[in-house]
Amino acid sequence: IAVPGGAETRHMIGADALAAMRPHAHLVNIARGDVVDESALVAALQAGQIAGAGLDVYEHEPKVSPELMGMDNVTLLPHLGTAALDVREEMGLMAVENAIAHLDGVPLLNPV
């Protein structure tokens, strides 16, 4: 999952979306933690409804669900999705470009 966070995407992936996934599916969330209803995800994983999950973000970050931590079919990362030199350099340049745009009174490239 790679969508922006916000009210429109909160719990976008819940029980219904998880039920639509095939039993061999793995859910990977690199977006925002609250895009996934973690209690629904835990239930789906415990029931064998989906095969596994990979999470780089968490609904109640920095807290991670103890249920998720105890599952062998779940890979948990400490919010490292952007931890690559090229990505970090681009993020820095984007921040500078946004600051310049703001000072020039033009629309920002990617307002947050």
Protein backbone atom coordinates (compact mmCIF):
# COMPACT_ATOMS: atom_id res chain seq x y z
CA ILE A 1 0.00 0.00 0.00
CA ALA A 2 1.37 3.39 -0.97
CA VAL A 3 -1.24 6.11 -0.52
CA PRO A 4 -1.20 9.44 1.31
CA GLY A 5 -2.38 9.52 4.90
CA GLY A 6 -5.40 11.47 6.05
CA ALA A 7 -9.08 11.18 6.84
CA GLU A 8 -9.89 9.86 3.34
CA THR A 9 -7.52 6.89 3.66
CA ARG A 10 -7.86 6.06 7.38
CA HIS A 11 -8.69 2.35 7.67
CA MET A 12 -8.87 2.09 3.88
CA ILE A 13 -7.72 -1.48 4.42
CA GLY A 14 -10.11 -3.06 6.89
CA ALA A 15 -11.94 -6.34 7.31
CA ASP A 16 -13.72 -6.10 3.94
CA ALA A 17 -10.55 -5.38 1.96
CA LEU A 18 -8.67 -8.13 3.77
CA ALA A 19 -11.52 -10.59 3.10
CA ALA A 20 -11.21 -9.80 -0.61
CA MET A 21 -7.55 -10.85 -0.61
CA ARG A 22 -6.55 -14.39 -1.53
CA PRO A 23 -5.23 -16.76 1.15
CA HIS A 24 -1.69 -16.61 -0.29
CA ALA A 25 -1.65 -12.78 -0.32
CA HIS A 26 0.76 -10.66 1.70
CA LEU A 27 -0.19 -7.14 2.72
CA VAL A 28 2.70 -4.65 2.51
CA ASN A 29 2.16 -1.19 3.99
CA ILE A 30 4.73 1.54 3.30
CA ALA A 31 2.17 4.35 3.43
CA ARG A 32 0.84 5.57 6.76
CA GLY A 33 0.02 3.34 9.69
CA ASP A 34 -3.63 4.26 10.03
CA VAL A 35 -4.35 3.30 6.42
CA VAL A 36 -4.62 -0.26 7.75
CA ASP A 37 -7.03 -1.22 10.52
CA GLU A 38 -4.48 -3.20 12.54
CA SER A 39 -7.07 -5.06 14.60
CA ALA A 40 -8.67 -6.30 11.37
CA LEU A 41 -5.22 -7.23 10.05
CA VAL A 42 -4.40 -9.19 13.20
CA ALA A 43 -7.73 -11.03 12.95
CA ALA A 44 -7.16 -11.86 9.27
CA LEU A 45 -3.65 -13.15 9.98
CA GLN A 46 -4.76 -15.21 12.99
CA ALA A 47 -7.58 -16.75 10.95
CA GLY A 48 -5.24 -17.61 8.07
CA GLN A 49 -7.34 -15.38 5.82
CA ILE A 50 -4.13 -13.94 4.32
CA ALA A 51 -0.64 -15.44 4.35
CA GLY A 52 1.33 -12.60 5.86
CA ALA A 53 2.17 -8.94 6.16
CA GLY A 54 5.13 -6.61 5.86
CA LEU A 55 4.84 -3.33 7.74
CA ASP A 56 7.12 -0.30 7.82
CA VAL A 57 4.49 1.88 9.53
CA TYR A 58 2.02 1.21 12.33
CA GLU A 59 -1.43 2.45 13.24
CA HIS A 60 -0.39 3.58 16.71
CA GLU A 61 3.24 4.41 15.94
CA PRO A 62 5.63 4.30 17.72
CA LYS A 63 3.74 1.50 19.50
CA VAL A 64 3.65 -1.79 17.62
CA SER A 65 0.89 -4.30 18.23
CA PRO A 66 2.17 -7.14 20.46
CA GLU A 67 0.03 -9.53 18.42
CA LEU A 68 1.87 -8.54 15.23
CA MET A 69 5.25 -8.84 16.94
CA GLY A 70 4.46 -12.42 17.92
CA MET A 71 3.61 -13.62 14.42
CA ASP A 72 6.11 -15.55 12.30
CA ASN A 73 4.36 -14.52 9.08
CA VAL A 74 4.78 -10.78 9.71
CA THR A 75 7.88 -8.73 8.92
CA LEU A 76 8.17 -5.50 10.90
CA LEU A 77 10.56 -2.66 10.08
CA PRO A 78 11.22 0.51 12.10
CA HIS A 79 9.89 3.04 9.55
CA LEU A 80 12.87 2.65 7.21
CA GLY A 81 11.11 3.00 3.87
CA THR A 82 13.13 6.04 2.89
CA ALA A 83 16.45 4.88 4.33
CA ALA A 84 18.43 4.94 1.10
CA LEU A 85 20.99 7.61 0.27
CA ASP A 86 19.39 8.55 -3.07
CA VAL A 87 15.97 8.88 -1.49
CA ARG A 88 17.22 10.98 1.41
CA GLU A 89 19.13 13.29 -0.96
CA GLU A 90 16.01 13.75 -3.10
CA MET A 91 13.92 14.44 0.01
CA GLY A 92 16.36 17.13 1.07
CA LEU A 93 16.33 18.74 -2.37
CA MET A 94 12.54 18.62 -2.45
CA ALA A 95 12.38 20.40 0.91
CA VAL A 96 14.68 23.13 -0.40
CA GLU A 97 12.61 23.48 -3.59
CA ASN A 98 9.43 23.78 -1.50
CA ALA A 99 11.03 26.43 0.72
CA ILE A 100 12.08 28.44 -2.33
CA ALA A 101 8.61 28.10 -3.86
CA HIS A 102 7.03 29.31 -0.61
CA LEU A 103 9.34 32.32 -0.43
CA ASP A 104 8.63 33.10 -4.09
CA GLY A 105 4.88 32.90 -3.45
CA VAL A 106 4.28 30.10 -5.95
CA PRO A 107 2.44 26.81 -5.32
CA LEU A 108 4.46 24.20 -3.45
CA LEU A 109 5.57 21.09 -5.30
CA ASN A 110 4.05 18.82 -2.68
CA PRO A 111 2.23 20.56 0.16
CA VAL A 112 1.75 18.52 3.30
